[in-house]
Amino acid sequence: MLSASTNAGGRSDGWTVGPWIPLALLLLSGGPPDRLSAQGFLSQFSYDNLKPSALQVDLGPVGGNNIRGTLTGGLRLDYGFIAPHLRVLLGLSYYKADFSSAARARFEQRLRSVVIDPSADDMIRLGRITWSDVTGDLDLQYVLQGRAVTTYLGIGLGAHVRHGSGPAINGTFVQDALNSVTAGLNGTIGTEVGAKRWRFTLEARGVLSSGVSTASLRSGVMYRWAGTRDKGRGTGK
């Protein structure tokens, strides 16, 4: 068809070839609609506004599936907005808690199952065991900014460095088994109250990780230095 519609001089008859040229240009320049949507979404992300903008100190109760309730404290560094309403936070937190009675009983049962005891009369008593946890977090939070109240919902990843100790286990393989470095997934929901540099914070945080999963409720104070908040919110159009 194409060769029949074109003469020896290379001219088209103006009907067979012509309509395909604008269509080809449209396909090459425009691309599929889903590709354009993805490009529009990714264009909202920018590293230009990533810079320290606020520091938070918090404290509150924490409990978990293998530990008794205790207090946890932390530091949070607001590192600015990477997209409209989406900010980056770096965190560091710490707690030290006693093993729960149920967790200690399960641990003793596991040890009893690997101990060779022909007479079956040996007793294993580990006594008090404590577990400390130092966590570094990287969080992404979706922020809704009001005049005096800011609310947020976030998700993040954490690295947990844990250390077990107790009079009966120090220096033994049992302590080595409790010492670990593991990853965790966290979710947060919270609010900041205040429109100026100093703000009151209240946050609920849940953590899923190997060995122990926790939930905490923390309150604290945040100091936000001037200028950086508005720049971060200016990421959007």
C-alpha atoms as a PDB file:
ATOM      1  CA  MET A   1       0.000   0.000   0.000  1.00  0.00           C
ATOM      2  CA  LEU A   2       2.688   2.485   1.007  1.00  0.00           C
ATOM      3  CA  SER A   3       4.886   1.799  -2.070  1.00  0.00           C
ATOM      4  CA  ALA A   4       1.858   2.016  -4.325  1.00  0.00           C
ATOM      5  CA  SER A   5       0.836   5.380  -2.974  1.00  0.00           C
ATOM      6  CA  THR A   6       4.258   6.980  -3.414  1.00  0.00           C
ATOM      7  CA  ASN A   7       5.646   7.900  -6.839  1.00  0.00           C
ATOM      8  CA  ALA A   8       9.230   7.573  -8.041  1.00  0.00           C
ATOM      9  CA  GLY A   9      10.058  11.072  -6.891  1.00  0.00           C
ATOM     10  CA  GLY A  10       9.244  10.127  -3.288  1.00  0.00           C
ATOM     11  CA  ARG A  11       6.030  12.191  -3.097  1.00  0.00           C
ATOM     12  CA  SER A  12       2.982  10.925  -1.242  1.00  0.00           C
ATOM     13  CA  ASP A  13      -0.477  10.991  -2.748  1.00  0.00           C
ATOM     14  CA  GLY A  14      -1.514  12.963   0.380  1.00  0.00           C
ATOM     15  CA  TRP A  15      -4.056  10.437   1.653  1.00  0.00           C
ATOM     16  CA  THR A  16      -2.312   7.193   2.655  1.00  0.00           C
ATOM     17  CA  VAL A  17       0.827   8.442   4.496  1.00  0.00           C
ATOM     18  CA  GLY A  18      -0.247  11.852   5.720  1.00  0.00           C
ATOM     19  CA  PRO A  19      -2.562  10.891   8.643  1.00  0.00           C
ATOM     20  CA  TRP A  20       0.074   8.580  10.169  1.00  0.00           C
ATOM     21  CA  ILE A  21       2.640  11.349  10.633  1.00  0.00           C
ATOM     22  CA  PRO A  22       0.735  13.414  13.265  1.00  0.00           C
ATOM     23  CA  LEU A  23      -0.279  10.190  15.032  1.00  0.00           C
ATOM     24  CA  ALA A  24       3.347   9.017  15.253  1.00  0.00           C
ATOM     25  CA  LEU A  25       4.464  12.414  16.549  1.00  0.00           C
ATOM     26  CA  LEU A  26       1.713  12.347  19.159  1.00  0.00           C
ATOM     27  CA  LEU A  27       2.755   8.913  20.375  1.00  0.00           C
ATOM     28  CA  LEU A  28       6.429   9.822  20.534  1.00  0.00           C
ATOM     29  CA  SER A  29       5.969  13.153  22.268  1.00  0.00           C
ATOM     30  CA  GLY A  30       3.023  12.503  24.547  1.00  0.00           C
ATOM     31  CA  GLY A  31       3.463   8.941  25.763  1.00  0.00           C
ATOM     32  CA  PRO A  32       0.815   6.856  27.475  1.00  0.00           C
ATOM     33  CA  PRO A  33      -1.513   8.654  29.952  1.00  0.00           C
ATOM     34  CA  ASP A  34      -0.321   6.499  32.865  1.00  0.00           C
ATOM     35  CA  ARG A  35       3.287   7.491  32.179  1.00  0.00           C
ATOM     36  CA  LEU A  36       2.305  11.161  32.249  1.00  0.00           C
ATOM     37  CA  SER A  37       0.475  10.631  35.553  1.00  0.00           C
ATOM     38  CA  ALA A  38       3.531   8.941  37.095  1.00  0.00           C
ATOM     39  CA  GLN A  39       5.775  11.775  35.923  1.00  0.00           C
ATOM     40  CA  GLY A  40       3.391  14.319  37.444  1.00  0.00           C
ATOM     41  CA  PHE A  41       3.393  12.478  40.759  1.00  0.00           C
ATOM     42  CA  LEU A  42       7.182  12.118  40.916  1.00  0.00           C
ATOM     43  CA  SER A  43       7.659  15.786  40.029  1.00  0.00           C
ATOM     44  CA  GLN A  44       6.186  16.712  43.422  1.00  0.00           C
ATOM     45  CA  PHE A  45       9.171  15.182  45.234  1.00  0.00           C
ATOM     46  CA  SER A  46      12.212  17.376  45.800  1.00  0.00           C
ATOM     47  CA  TYR A  47      15.331  17.270  47.960  1.00  0.00           C
ATOM     48  CA  ASP A  48      15.666  21.058  47.917  1.00  0.00           C
ATOM     49  CA  ASN A  49      13.735  21.539  51.173  1.00  0.00           C
ATOM     50  CA  LEU A  50      15.405  18.755  53.143  1.00  0.00           C
ATOM     51  CA  LYS A  51      17.204  20.434  56.027  1.00  0.00           C
ATOM     52  CA  PRO A  52      16.927  20.330  59.848  1.00  0.00           C
ATOM     53  CA  SER A  53      13.925  22.398  60.897  1.00  0.00           C
ATOM     54  CA  ALA A  54      12.877  21.257  64.396  1.00  0.00           C
ATOM     55  CA  LEU A  55      13.994  19.175  67.377  1.00  0.00           C
ATOM     56  CA  GLN A  56      11.649  17.232  69.645  1.00  0.00           C
ATOM     57  CA  VAL A  57      12.186  15.576  73.031  1.00  0.00           C
ATOM     58  CA  ASP A  58       9.548  13.127  74.280  1.00  0.00           C
ATOM     59  CA  LEU A  59       8.876  10.706  77.132  1.00  0.00           C
ATOM     60  CA  GLY A  60       6.129   8.218  77.908  1.00  0.00           C
ATOM     61  CA  PRO A  61       5.073   4.693  78.879  1.00  0.00           C
ATOM     62  CA  VAL A  62       5.837   1.696  76.658  1.00  0.00           C
ATOM     63  CA  GLY A  63       4.670  -1.894  76.825  1.00  0.00           C
ATOM     64  CA  GLY A  64       5.274  -4.988  74.739  1.00  0.00           C
ATOM     65  CA  ASN A  65       4.493  -8.643  74.222  1.00  0.00           C
ATOM     66  CA  ASN A  66       7.632  -9.917  76.028  1.00  0.00           C
ATOM     67  CA  ILE A  67       8.427  -7.079  78.444  1.00  0.00           C
ATOM     68  CA  ARG A  68       6.878  -5.347  81.406  1.00  0.00           C
ATOM     69  CA  GLY A  69       5.744  -1.771  81.115  1.00  0.00           C
ATOM     70  CA  THR A  70       8.389   0.899  81.531  1.00  0.00           C
ATOM     71  CA  LEU A  71       9.292   4.386  80.337  1.00  0.00           C
ATOM     72  CA  THR A  72      10.802   5.269  76.979  1.00  0.00           C
ATOM     73  CA  GLY A  73      12.371   8.517  75.854  1.00  0.00           C
ATOM     74  CA  GLY A  74      13.453   9.829  72.511  1.00  0.00           C
ATOM     75  CA  LEU A  75      14.756  12.598  70.285  1.00  0.00           C
ATOM     76  CA  ARG A  76      13.222  13.503  66.918  1.00  0.00           C
ATOM     77  CA  LEU A  77      14.776  15.685  64.238  1.00  0.00           C
ATOM     78  CA  ASP A  78      12.355  17.111  61.678  1.00  0.00           C
ATOM     79  CA  TYR A  79      14.339  17.134  58.433  1.00  0.00           C
ATOM     80  CA  GLY A  80      11.866  19.065  56.303  1.00  0.00           C
ATOM     81  CA  PHE A  81       9.405  18.286  53.527  1.00  0.00           C
ATOM     82  CA  ILE A  82      10.270  15.998  50.614  1.00  0.00           C
ATOM     83  CA  ALA A  83       6.840  16.520  48.999  1.00  0.00           C
ATOM     84  CA  PRO A  84       3.676  18.494  49.759  1.00  0.00           C
ATOM     85  CA  HIS A  85       2.462  17.459  53.249  1.00  0.00           C
ATOM     86  CA  LEU A  86       5.134  14.709  53.440  1.00  0.00           C
ATOM     87  CA  ARG A  87       8.011  15.296  55.861  1.00  0.00           C
ATOM     88  CA  VAL A  88      11.065  13.276  56.881  1.00  0.00           C
ATOM     89  CA  LEU A  89      12.020  12.640  60.508  1.00  0.00           C
ATOM     90  CA  LEU A  90      15.080  11.040  62.066  1.00  0.00           C
ATOM     91  CA  GLY A  91      14.666   9.570  65.528  1.00  0.00           C
ATOM     92  CA  LEU A  92      16.575   8.011  68.391  1.00  0.00           C
ATOM     93  CA  SER A  93      14.890   6.336  71.372  1.00  0.00           C
ATOM     94  CA  TYR A  94      15.762   4.151  74.364  1.00  0.00           C
ATOM     95  CA  TYR A  95      14.084   1.983  76.961  1.00  0.00           C
ATOM     96  CA  LYS A  96      15.135  -0.662  79.490  1.00  0.00           C
ATOM     97  CA  ALA A  97      12.522  -3.145  80.679  1.00  0.00           C
ATOM     98  CA  ASP A  98      12.214  -6.356  82.666  1.00  0.00           C
ATOM     99  CA  PHE A  99      11.295  -9.584  80.924  1.00  0.00           C
ATOM    100  CA  SER A 100       7.680 -10.469  81.624  1.00  0.00           C
ATOM    101  CA  SER A 101       7.040 -13.561  83.757  1.00  0.00           C
ATOM    102  CA  ALA A 102       5.501 -15.395  80.808  1.00  0.00           C
ATOM    103  CA  ALA A 103       8.433 -14.596  78.512  1.00  0.00           C
ATOM    104  CA  ARG A 104      10.950 -15.688  81.141  1.00  0.00           C
ATOM    105  CA  ALA A 105       9.054 -18.955  81.697  1.00  0.00           C
ATOM    106  CA  ARG A 106       9.072 -19.690  77.960  1.00  0.00           C
ATOM    107  CA  PHE A 107      12.787 -18.930  77.792  1.00  0.00           C
ATOM    108  CA  GLU A 108      13.497 -21.258  80.711  1.00  0.00           C
ATOM    109  CA  GLN A 109      11.449 -23.992  79.035  1.00  0.00           C
ATOM    110  CA  ARG A 110      13.493 -23.689  75.834  1.00  0.00           C
ATOM    111  CA  LEU A 111      16.716 -23.962  77.814  1.00  0.00           C
ATOM    112  CA  ARG A 112      15.376 -26.992  79.697  1.00  0.00           C
ATOM    113  CA  SER A 113      14.623 -28.714  76.391  1.00  0.00           C
ATOM    114  CA  VAL A 114      18.279 -28.531  75.282  1.00  0.00           C
ATOM    115  CA  VAL A 115      19.864 -29.455  78.629  1.00  0.00           C
ATOM    116  CA  ILE A 116      20.849 -33.118  79.066  1.00  0.00           C
ATOM    117  CA  ASP A 117      19.370 -34.188  82.391  1.00  0.00           C
ATOM    118  CA  PRO A 118      19.183 -38.006  82.781  1.00  0.00           C
ATOM    119  CA  SER A 119      17.551 -37.809  86.211  1.00  0.00           C
ATOM    120  CA  ALA A 120      15.084 -35.056  85.082  1.00  0.00           C
ATOM    121  CA  ASP A 121      15.440 -33.265  88.392  1.00  0.00           C
ATOM    122  CA  ASP A 122      17.479 -30.202  87.405  1.00  0.00           C
ATOM    123  CA  MET A 123      15.832 -26.830  87.831  1.00  0.00           C
ATOM    124  CA  ILE A 124      16.526 -23.797  85.664  1.00  0.00           C
ATOM    125  CA  ARG A 125      15.869 -20.437  87.291  1.00  0.00           C
ATOM    126  CA  LEU A 126      17.113 -17.384  85.417  1.00  0.00           C
ATOM    127  CA  GLY A 127      15.923 -14.816  87.922  1.00  0.00           C
ATOM    128  CA  ARG A 128      15.463 -11.206  86.864  1.00  0.00           C
ATOM    129  CA  ILE A 129      16.342 -10.413  83.223  1.00  0.00           C
ATOM    130  CA  THR A 130      16.311  -6.940  81.716  1.00  0.00           C
ATOM    131  CA  TRP A 131      16.297  -6.008  78.046  1.00  0.00           C
ATOM    132  CA  SER A 132      17.501  -2.631  76.820  1.00  0.00           C
ATOM    133  CA  ASP A 133      16.708  -1.287  73.361  1.00  0.00           C
ATOM    134  CA  VAL A 134      18.335   1.574  71.449  1.00  0.00           C
ATOM    135  CA  THR A 135      16.448   2.408  68.255  1.00  0.00           C
ATOM    136  CA  GLY A 136      17.279   4.599  65.282  1.00  0.00           C
ATOM    137  CA  ASP A 137      14.274   5.490  63.099  1.00  0.00           C
ATOM    138  CA  LEU A 138      13.635   6.975  59.676  1.00  0.00           C
ATOM    139  CA  ASP A 139      10.002   8.109  59.393  1.00  0.00           C
ATOM    140  CA  LEU A 140       7.792   9.580  56.684  1.00  0.00           C
ATOM    141  CA  GLN A 141       4.816  11.527  58.040  1.00  0.00           C
ATOM    142  CA  TYR A 142       1.790  12.919  56.224  1.00  0.00           C
ATOM    143  CA  VAL A 143       1.092  16.300  57.827  1.00  0.00           C
ATOM    144  CA  LEU A 144      -2.123  18.323  58.043  1.00  0.00           C
ATOM    145  CA  GLN A 145      -1.228  21.838  59.138  1.00  0.00           C
ATOM    146  CA  GLY A 146      -3.791  23.968  60.973  1.00  0.00           C
ATOM    147  CA  ARG A 147      -3.521  27.434  62.453  1.00  0.00           C
ATOM    148  CA  ALA A 148      -2.450  26.230  65.895  1.00  0.00           C
ATOM    149  CA  VAL A 149      -2.771  22.420  65.698  1.00  0.00           C
ATOM    150  CA  THR A 150      -0.809  20.107  63.405  1.00  0.00           C
ATOM    151  CA  THR A 151      -1.805  16.453  63.036  1.00  0.00           C
ATOM    152  CA  TYR A 152       0.188  13.729  61.324  1.00  0.00           C
ATOM    153  CA  LEU A 153       0.148  10.060  60.397  1.00  0.00           C
ATOM    154  CA  GLY A 154       3.404   8.245  59.676  1.00  0.00           C
ATOM    155  CA  ILE A 155       5.214   5.036  58.880  1.00  0.00           C
ATOM    156  CA  GLY A 156       8.894   4.236  59.183  1.00  0.00           C
ATOM    157  CA  LEU A 157      11.741   1.780  59.495  1.00  0.00           C
ATOM    158  CA  GLY A 158      13.977   1.296  62.511  1.00  0.00           C
ATOM    159  CA  ALA A 159      17.185  -0.444  63.534  1.00  0.00           C
ATOM    160  CA  HIS A 160      17.048  -1.937  67.060  1.00  0.00           C
ATOM    161  CA  VAL A 161      20.171  -2.688  69.093  1.00  0.00           C
ATOM    162  CA  ARG A 162      19.197  -4.851  72.082  1.00  0.00           C
ATOM    163  CA  HIS A 163      21.148  -5.993  75.122  1.00  0.00           C
ATOM    164  CA  GLY A 164      20.071  -8.523  77.721  1.00  0.00           C
ATOM    165  CA  SER A 165      21.416  -8.648  81.267  1.00  0.00           C
ATOM    166  CA  GLY A 166      20.772 -10.303  84.614  1.00  0.00           C
ATOM    167  CA  PRO A 167      22.719 -11.689  87.590  1.00  0.00           C
ATOM    168  CA  ALA A 168      22.265 -15.297  86.437  1.00  0.00           C
ATOM    169  CA  ILE A 169      22.995 -14.794  82.732  1.00  0.00           C
ATOM    170  CA  ASN A 170      25.765 -12.200  82.521  1.00  0.00           C
ATOM    171  CA  GLY A 171      28.724 -13.603  80.618  1.00  0.00           C
ATOM    172  CA  THR A 172      26.854 -16.718  79.468  1.00  0.00           C
ATOM    173  CA  PHE A 173      25.464 -17.957  76.163  1.00  0.00           C
ATOM    174  CA  VAL A 174      22.013 -16.920  77.385  1.00  0.00           C
ATOM    175  CA  GLN A 175      23.080 -13.282  77.379  1.00  0.00           C
ATOM    176  CA  ASP A 176      24.609 -13.745  73.933  1.00  0.00           C
ATOM    177  CA  ALA A 177      21.262 -15.072  72.698  1.00  0.00           C
ATOM    178  CA  LEU A 178      19.475 -11.957  73.941  1.00  0.00           C
ATOM    179  CA  ASN A 179      21.972  -9.513  72.441  1.00  0.00           C
ATOM    180  CA  SER A 180      20.889  -8.704  68.899  1.00  0.00           C
ATOM    181  CA  VAL A 181      20.536  -6.154  66.132  1.00  0.00           C
ATOM    182  CA  THR A 182      17.262  -6.331  64.228  1.00  0.00           C
ATOM    183  CA  ALA A 183      14.986  -4.261  61.986  1.00  0.00           C
ATOM    184  CA  GLY A 184      11.507  -3.002  62.801  1.00  0.00           C
ATOM    185  CA  LEU A 185       8.493  -1.370  61.195  1.00  0.00           C
ATOM    186  CA  ASN A 186       6.716   1.435  63.021  1.00  0.00           C
ATOM    187  CA  GLY A 187       3.528   3.436  62.663  1.00  0.00           C
ATOM    188  CA  THR A 188       2.732   6.762  64.322  1.00  0.00           C
ATOM    189  CA  ILE A 189      -0.180   9.122  64.822  1.00  0.00           C
ATOM    190  CA  GLY A 190       0.210  12.384  66.673  1.00  0.00           C
ATOM    191  CA  THR A 191      -0.393  16.072  67.046  1.00  0.00           C
ATOM    192  CA  GLU A 192       1.545  19.267  67.695  1.00  0.00           C
ATOM    193  CA  VAL A 193      -0.113  22.141  69.533  1.00  0.00           C
ATOM    194  CA  GLY A 194       1.251  25.652  69.079  1.00  0.00           C
ATOM    195  CA  ALA A 195       1.810  28.068  66.232  1.00  0.00           C
ATOM    196  CA  LYS A 196       5.178  29.516  67.183  1.00  0.00           C
ATOM    197  CA  ARG A 197       8.613  28.059  67.844  1.00  0.00           C
ATOM    198  CA  TRP A 198       7.753  26.074  70.990  1.00  0.00           C
ATOM    199  CA  ARG A 199       5.129  23.340  70.610  1.00  0.00           C
ATOM    200  CA  PHE A 200       3.599  20.611  72.762  1.00  0.00           C
ATOM    201  CA  THR A 201       3.548  17.139  71.171  1.00  0.00           C
ATOM    202  CA  LEU A 202       1.500  14.013  71.811  1.00  0.00           C
ATOM    203  CA  GLU A 203       2.212  10.824  69.862  1.00  0.00           C
ATOM    204  CA  ALA A 204       1.128   7.167  69.805  1.00  0.00           C
ATOM    205  CA  ARG A 205       3.674   4.789  68.290  1.00  0.00           C
ATOM    206  CA  GLY A 206       3.528   1.083  67.531  1.00  0.00           C
ATOM    207  CA  VAL A 207       6.546  -1.042  66.568  1.00  0.00           C
ATOM    208  CA  LEU A 208       6.664  -4.490  64.984  1.00  0.00           C
ATOM    209  CA  SER A 209      10.016  -6.257  65.283  1.00  0.00           C
ATOM    210  CA  SER A 210      11.577  -9.643  65.960  1.00  0.00           C
ATOM    211  CA  GLY A 211      11.670 -10.615  69.632  1.00  0.00           C
ATOM    212  CA  VAL A 212       9.439  -7.871  71.004  1.00  0.00           C
ATOM    213  CA  SER A 213       6.757  -5.610  69.566  1.00  0.00           C
ATOM    214  CA  THR A 214       5.784  -2.501  71.496  1.00  0.00           C
ATOM    215  CA  ALA A 215       3.231   0.281  71.796  1.00  0.00           C
ATOM    216  CA  SER A 216       3.930   3.622  73.447  1.00  0.00           C
ATOM    217  CA  LEU A 217       2.230   6.926  74.173  1.00  0.00           C
ATOM    218  CA  ARG A 218       4.623   9.864  74.383  1.00  0.00           C
ATOM    219  CA  SER A 219       4.341  13.538  75.145  1.00  0.00           C
ATOM    220  CA  GLY A 220       7.046  16.131  74.727  1.00  0.00           C
ATOM    221  CA  VAL A 221       8.124  19.522  73.510  1.00  0.00           C
ATOM    222  CA  MET A 222       9.348  20.630  70.107  1.00  0.00           C
ATOM    223  CA  TYR A 223      11.444  23.638  69.197  1.00  0.00           C
ATOM    224  CA  ARG A 224      10.981  24.764  65.590  1.00  0.00           C
ATOM    225  CA  TRP A 225      13.309  27.469  64.324  1.00  0.00           C
ATOM    226  CA  ALA A 226      11.810  30.197  62.181  1.00  0.00           C
ATOM    227  CA  GLY A 227      11.592  30.141  58.398  1.00  0.00           C
ATOM    228  CA  THR A 228      12.108  26.453  57.626  1.00  0.00           C
ATOM    229  CA  ARG A 229       8.471  25.406  58.062  1.00  0.00           C
ATOM    230  CA  ASP A 230       7.122  27.685  55.370  1.00  0.00           C
ATOM    231  CA  LYS A 231       9.876  26.647  52.969  1.00  0.00           C
ATOM    232  CA  GLY A 232       9.029  23.010  53.503  1.00  0.00           C
ATOM    233  CA  ARG A 233       5.325  23.591  52.853  1.00  0.00           C
ATOM    234  CA  GLY A 234       6.197  25.499  49.703  1.00  0.00           C
ATOM    235  CA  THR A 235       7.161  22.298  47.937  1.00  0.00           C
ATOM    236  CA  GLY A 236       3.669  22.000  46.512  1.00  0.00           C
ATOM    237  CA  LYS A 237       2.163  24.234  43.856  1.00  0.00           C
END
